[in-house]
């Protein structure tokens, strides 16, 4: 469900679009995240960079 806050943010985005540099930055961040996800998914992510889960304490 769409929150009214999201609608207001979309309205501001449409009225004052971000600069080209900000769009490039956003695209670069998304691309880096997708590359990291792909590396981890296909098993190329090193074990030393993977966080270990700790047992939950109650």
PDB file of N, CA and C in Angstrom:
ATOM      1  N   UNK A   1       0.831  -1.174   0.000  1.00  0.00           N
ATOM      2  CA  UNK A   1       0.000   0.000   0.000  1.00  0.00           C
ATOM      3  C   UNK A   1       0.880   1.242   0.000  1.00  0.00           C
ATOM      4  N   UNK A   2       0.441   2.265  -0.709  1.00  0.00           N
ATOM      5  CA  UNK A   2       1.246   3.467  -0.854  1.00  0.00           C
ATOM      6  C   UNK A   2       0.964   4.437   0.291  1.00  0.00           C
ATOM      7  N   UNK A   3       2.014   4.815   0.957  1.00  0.00           N
ATOM      8  CA  UNK A   3       1.927   5.750   2.064  1.00  0.00           C
ATOM      9  C   UNK A   3       1.806   7.173   1.502  1.00  0.00           C
ATOM     10  N   UNK A   4       1.026   8.056   2.113  1.00  0.00           N
ATOM     11  CA  UNK A   4       0.947   9.444   1.622  1.00  0.00           C
ATOM     12  C   UNK A   4       2.307  10.146   1.607  1.00  0.00           C
ATOM     13  N   UNK A   5       3.200   9.733   2.488  1.00  0.00           N
ATOM     14  CA  UNK A   5       4.541  10.322   2.505  1.00  0.00           C
ATOM     15  C   UNK A   5       5.276  10.010   1.191  1.00  0.00           C
ATOM     16  N   UNK A   6       5.066   8.789   0.664  1.00  0.00           N
ATOM     17  CA  UNK A   6       5.689   8.430  -0.606  1.00  0.00           C
ATOM     18  C   UNK A   6       5.125   9.276  -1.749  1.00  0.00           C
ATOM     19  N   UNK A   7       3.843   9.554  -1.692  1.00  0.00           N
ATOM     20  CA  UNK A   7       3.228  10.393  -2.726  1.00  0.00           C
ATOM     21  C   UNK A   7       3.785  11.817  -2.689  1.00  0.00           C
ATOM     22  N   UNK A   8       3.989  12.357  -1.505  1.00  0.00           N
ATOM     23  CA  UNK A   8       4.549  13.695  -1.392  1.00  0.00           C
ATOM     24  C   UNK A   8       5.990  13.723  -1.891  1.00  0.00           C
ATOM     25  N   UNK A   9       6.745  12.689  -1.589  1.00  0.00           N
ATOM     26  CA  UNK A   9       8.125  12.617  -2.067  1.00  0.00           C
ATOM     27  C   UNK A   9       8.161  12.502  -3.590  1.00  0.00           C
ATOM     28  N   UNK A  10       7.252  11.715  -4.159  1.00  0.00           N
ATOM     29  CA  UNK A  10       7.188  11.576  -5.614  1.00  0.00           C
ATOM     30  C   UNK A  10       6.798  12.907  -6.258  1.00  0.00           C
ATOM     31  N   UNK A  11       5.907  13.642  -5.617  1.00  0.00           N
ATOM     32  CA  UNK A  11       5.510  14.953  -6.133  1.00  0.00           C
ATOM     33  C   UNK A  11       6.700  15.907  -6.145  1.00  0.00           C
ATOM     34  N   UNK A  12       7.461  15.931  -5.047  1.00  0.00           N
ATOM     35  CA  UNK A  12       8.645  16.785  -5.000  1.00  0.00           C
ATOM     36  C   UNK A  12       9.678  16.361  -6.038  1.00  0.00           C
ATOM     37  N   UNK A  13       9.829  15.044  -6.233  1.00  0.00           N
ATOM     38  CA  UNK A  13      10.778  14.518  -7.223  1.00  0.00           C
ATOM     39  C   UNK A  13      10.381  14.979  -8.626  1.00  0.00           C
ATOM     40  N   UNK A  14       9.061  14.970  -8.914  1.00  0.00           N
ATOM     41  CA  UNK A  14       8.586  15.377 -10.234  1.00  0.00           C
ATOM     42  C   UNK A  14       8.733  16.888 -10.439  1.00  0.00           C
ATOM     43  N   UNK A  15       8.501  17.676  -9.390  1.00  0.00           N
ATOM     44  CA  UNK A  15       8.602  19.124  -9.522  1.00  0.00           C
ATOM     45  C   UNK A  15      10.051  19.597  -9.583  1.00  0.00           C
ATOM     46  N   UNK A  16      10.916  18.964  -8.798  1.00  0.00           N
ATOM     47  CA  UNK A  16      12.324  19.342  -8.750  1.00  0.00           C
ATOM     48  C   UNK A  16      13.168  18.097  -8.978  1.00  0.00           C
ATOM     49  N   UNK A  17      13.343  17.703 -10.221  1.00  0.00           N
ATOM     50  CA  UNK A  17      14.101  16.477 -10.476  1.00  0.00           C
ATOM     51  C   UNK A  17      15.560  16.634 -10.042  1.00  0.00           C
ATOM     52  N   UNK A  18      16.184  15.519  -9.645  1.00  0.00           N
ATOM     53  CA  UNK A  18      17.577  15.604  -9.205  1.00  0.00           C
ATOM     54  C   UNK A  18      18.500  15.923 -10.380  1.00  0.00           C
ATOM     55  N   UNK A  19      19.694  16.382 -10.034  1.00  0.00           N
ATOM     56  CA  UNK A  19      20.661  16.724 -11.072  1.00  0.00           C
ATOM     57  C   UNK A  19      21.184  15.456 -11.747  1.00  0.00           C
ATOM     58  N   UNK A  20      21.832  15.650 -12.885  1.00  0.00           N
ATOM     59  CA  UNK A  20      22.370  14.522 -13.632  1.00  0.00           C
ATOM     60  C   UNK A  20      23.448  13.803 -12.821  1.00  0.00           C
ATOM     61  N   UNK A  21      24.259  14.547 -12.078  1.00  0.00           N
ATOM     62  CA  UNK A  21      25.303  13.932 -11.250  1.00  0.00           C
ATOM     63  C   UNK A  21      24.692  13.042 -10.168  1.00  0.00           C
ATOM     64  N   UNK A  22      23.593  13.488  -9.585  1.00  0.00           N
ATOM     65  CA  UNK A  22      22.945  12.681  -8.552  1.00  0.00           C
ATOM     66  C   UNK A  22      22.357  11.402  -9.150  1.00  0.00           C
ATOM     67  N   UNK A  23      21.815  11.494 -10.360  1.00  0.00           N
ATOM     68  CA  UNK A  23      21.289  10.303 -11.025  1.00  0.00           C
ATOM     69  C   UNK A  23      22.410   9.312 -11.346  1.00  0.00           C
ATOM     70  N   UNK A  24      23.567   9.829 -11.768  1.00  0.00           N
ATOM     71  CA  UNK A  24      24.718   8.970 -12.036  1.00  0.00           C
ATOM     72  C   UNK A  24      25.166   8.290 -10.739  1.00  0.00           C
ATOM     73  N   UNK A  25      25.203   9.034  -9.642  1.00  0.00           N
ATOM     74  CA  UNK A  25      25.576   8.465  -8.344  1.00  0.00           C
ATOM     75  C   UNK A  25      24.601   7.369  -7.932  1.00  0.00           C
ATOM     76  N   UNK A  26      23.316   7.605  -8.102  1.00  0.00           N
ATOM     77  CA  UNK A  26      22.302   6.610  -7.755  1.00  0.00           C
ATOM     78  C   UNK A  26      22.460   5.354  -8.610  1.00  0.00           C
ATOM     79  N   UNK A  27      22.692   5.537  -9.896  1.00  0.00           N
ATOM     80  CA  UNK A  27      22.888   4.386 -10.786  1.00  0.00           C
ATOM     81  C   UNK A  27      24.147   3.611 -10.419  1.00  0.00           C
ATOM     82  N   UNK A  28      25.215   4.311 -10.020  1.00  0.00           N
ATOM     83  CA  UNK A  28      26.460   3.643  -9.619  1.00  0.00           C
ATOM     84  C   UNK A  28      26.264   2.825  -8.343  1.00  0.00           C
ATOM     85  N   UNK A  29      25.546   3.369  -7.379  1.00  0.00           N
ATOM     86  CA  UNK A  29      25.290   2.644  -6.126  1.00  0.00           C
ATOM     87  C   UNK A  29      24.464   1.389  -6.399  1.00  0.00           C
ATOM     88  N   UNK A  30      23.444   1.506  -7.225  1.00  0.00           N
ATOM     89  CA  UNK A  30      22.615   0.341  -7.560  1.00  0.00           C
ATOM     90  C   UNK A  30      23.432  -0.697  -8.319  1.00  0.00           C
ATOM     91  N   UNK A  31      24.295  -0.247  -9.236  1.00  0.00           N
ATOM     92  CA  UNK A  31      25.134  -1.181  -9.997  1.00  0.00           C
ATOM     93  C   UNK A  31      26.108  -1.923  -9.084  1.00  0.00           C
ATOM     94  N   UNK A  32      26.720  -1.216  -8.142  1.00  0.00           N
ATOM     95  CA  UNK A  32      27.649  -1.862  -7.195  1.00  0.00           C
ATOM     96  C   UNK A  32      26.917  -2.889  -6.351  1.00  0.00           C
ATOM     97  N   UNK A  33      25.713  -2.548  -5.890  1.00  0.00           N
ATOM     98  CA  UNK A  33      24.934  -3.497  -5.088  1.00  0.00           C
ATOM     99  C   UNK A  33      24.579  -4.737  -5.904  1.00  0.00           C
ATOM    100  N   UNK A  34      24.226  -4.557  -7.170  1.00  0.00           N
ATOM    101  CA  UNK A  34      23.893  -5.699  -8.018  1.00  0.00           C
ATOM    102  C   UNK A  34      25.118  -6.576  -8.292  1.00  0.00           C
ATOM    103  N   UNK A  35      26.278  -5.959  -8.454  1.00  0.00           N
ATOM    104  CA  UNK A  35      27.507  -6.732  -8.670  1.00  0.00           C
ATOM    105  C   UNK A  35      27.834  -7.556  -7.431  1.00  0.00           C
ATOM    106  N   UNK A  36      27.731  -6.957  -6.257  1.00  0.00           N
ATOM    107  CA  UNK A  36      28.004  -7.688  -5.017  1.00  0.00           C
ATOM    108  C   UNK A  36      27.011  -8.824  -4.840  1.00  0.00           C
ATOM    109  N   UNK A  37      25.736  -8.563  -5.125  1.00  0.00           N
ATOM    110  CA  UNK A  37      24.724  -9.619  -5.029  1.00  0.00           C
ATOM    111  C   UNK A  37      25.032 -10.752  -5.995  1.00  0.00           C
ATOM    112  N   UNK A  38      25.408 -10.413  -7.231  1.00  0.00           N
ATOM    113  CA  UNK A  38      25.732 -11.436  -8.224  1.00  0.00           C
ATOM    114  C   UNK A  38      26.938 -12.263  -7.818  1.00  0.00           C
ATOM    115  N   UNK A  39      27.966 -11.613  -7.306  1.00  0.00           N
ATOM    116  CA  UNK A  39      29.152 -12.345  -6.849  1.00  0.00           C
ATOM    117  C   UNK A  39      28.804 -13.316  -5.728  1.00  0.00           C
ATOM    118  N   UNK A  40      27.999 -12.846  -4.794  1.00  0.00           N
ATOM    119  CA  UNK A  40      27.620 -13.713  -3.674  1.00  0.00           C
ATOM    120  C   UNK A  40      26.712 -14.843  -4.146  1.00  0.00           C
ATOM    121  N   UNK A  41      25.814 -14.552  -5.046  1.00  0.00           N
ATOM    122  CA  UNK A  41      24.858 -15.560  -5.518  1.00  0.00           C
ATOM    123  C   UNK A  41      25.559 -16.689  -6.278  1.00  0.00           C
ATOM    124  N   UNK A  42      26.542 -16.337  -7.098  1.00  0.00           N
ATOM    125  CA  UNK A  42      27.219 -17.347  -7.906  1.00  0.00           C
ATOM    126  C   UNK A  42      28.443 -17.951  -7.225  1.00  0.00           C
ATOM    127  N   UNK A  43      28.699 -17.590  -5.969  1.00  0.00           N
ATOM    128  CA  UNK A  43      29.749 -18.223  -5.192  1.00  0.00           C
ATOM    129  C   UNK A  43      31.133 -17.639  -5.363  1.00  0.00           C
ATOM    130  N   UNK A  44      31.252 -16.455  -5.910  1.00  0.00           N
ATOM    131  CA  UNK A  44      32.560 -15.841  -6.092  1.00  0.00           C
ATOM    132  C   UNK A  44      32.924 -14.881  -4.966  1.00  0.00           C
ATOM    133  N   UNK A  45      32.049 -14.698  -4.006  1.00  0.00           N
ATOM    134  CA  UNK A  45      32.301 -13.803  -2.886  1.00  0.00           C
ATOM    135  C   UNK A  45      33.216 -14.523  -1.894  1.00  0.00           C
ATOM    136  N   UNK A  46      34.321 -13.900  -1.440  1.00  0.00           N
ATOM    137  CA  UNK A  46      35.256 -14.593  -0.547  1.00  0.00           C
ATOM    138  C   UNK A  46      34.650 -14.858   0.830  1.00  0.00           C
ATOM    139  N   UNK A  47      35.102 -15.943   1.436  1.00  0.00           N
ATOM    140  CA  UNK A  47      34.569 -16.316   2.749  1.00  0.00           C
ATOM    141  C   UNK A  47      34.930 -15.305   3.828  1.00  0.00           C
ATOM    142  N   UNK A  48      36.093 -14.673   3.703  1.00  0.00           N
ATOM    143  CA  UNK A  48      36.494 -13.710   4.726  1.00  0.00           C
ATOM    144  C   UNK A  48      35.601 -12.473   4.746  1.00  0.00           C
ATOM    145  N   UNK A  49      34.883 -12.219   3.664  1.00  0.00           N
ATOM    146  CA  UNK A  49      34.023 -11.040   3.586  1.00  0.00           C
ATOM    147  C   UNK A  49      32.578 -11.348   3.984  1.00  0.00           C
ATOM    148  N   UNK A  50      32.305 -12.589   4.365  1.00  0.00           N
ATOM    149  CA  UNK A  50      30.952 -12.985   4.744  1.00  0.00           C
ATOM    150  C   UNK A  50      30.820 -12.935   6.264  1.00  0.00           C
ATOM    151  N   UNK A  51      29.787 -12.272   6.731  1.00  0.00           N
ATOM    152  CA  UNK A  51      29.550 -12.184   8.172  1.00  0.00           C
ATOM    153  C   UNK A  51      28.971 -13.499   8.677  1.00  0.00           C
ATOM    154  N   UNK A  52      29.429 -13.904   9.840  1.00  0.00           N
ATOM    155  CA  UNK A  52      28.900 -15.124  10.455  1.00  0.00           C
ATOM    156  C   UNK A  52      27.739 -14.768  11.354  1.00  0.00           C
ATOM    157  N   UNK A  53      26.737 -15.605  11.339  1.00  0.00           N
ATOM    158  CA  UNK A  53      25.580 -15.367  12.204  1.00  0.00           C
ATOM    159  C   UNK A  53      25.892 -15.875  13.616  1.00  0.00           C
ATOM    160  N   UNK A  54      25.581 -15.059  14.568  1.00  0.00           N
ATOM    161  CA  UNK A  54      25.771 -15.439  15.958  1.00  0.00           C
ATOM    162  C   UNK A  54      24.481 -16.047  16.486  1.00  0.00           C
ATOM    163  N   UNK A  55      24.583 -17.000  17.415  1.00  0.00           N
ATOM    164  CA  UNK A  55      23.358 -17.571  17.972  1.00  0.00           C
ATOM    165  C   UNK A  55      22.586 -16.511  18.749  1.00  0.00           C
ATOM    166  N   UNK A  56      21.278 -16.594  18.668  1.00  0.00           N
ATOM    167  CA  UNK A  56      20.426 -15.638  19.365  1.00  0.00           C
ATOM    168  C   UNK A  56      20.369 -15.963  20.845  1.00  0.00           C
ATOM    169  N   UNK A  57      20.468 -14.960  21.658  1.00  0.00           N
ATOM    170  CA  UNK A  57      20.356 -15.108  23.109  1.00  0.00           C
ATOM    171  C   UNK A  57      19.037 -14.519  23.567  1.00  0.00           C
ATOM    172  N   UNK A  58      18.383 -15.231  24.455  1.00  0.00           N
ATOM    173  CA  UNK A  58      17.090 -14.739  24.951  1.00  0.00           C
ATOM    174  C   UNK A  58      17.227 -14.159  26.279  1.00  0.00           C
TER     175      UNK A  58
END
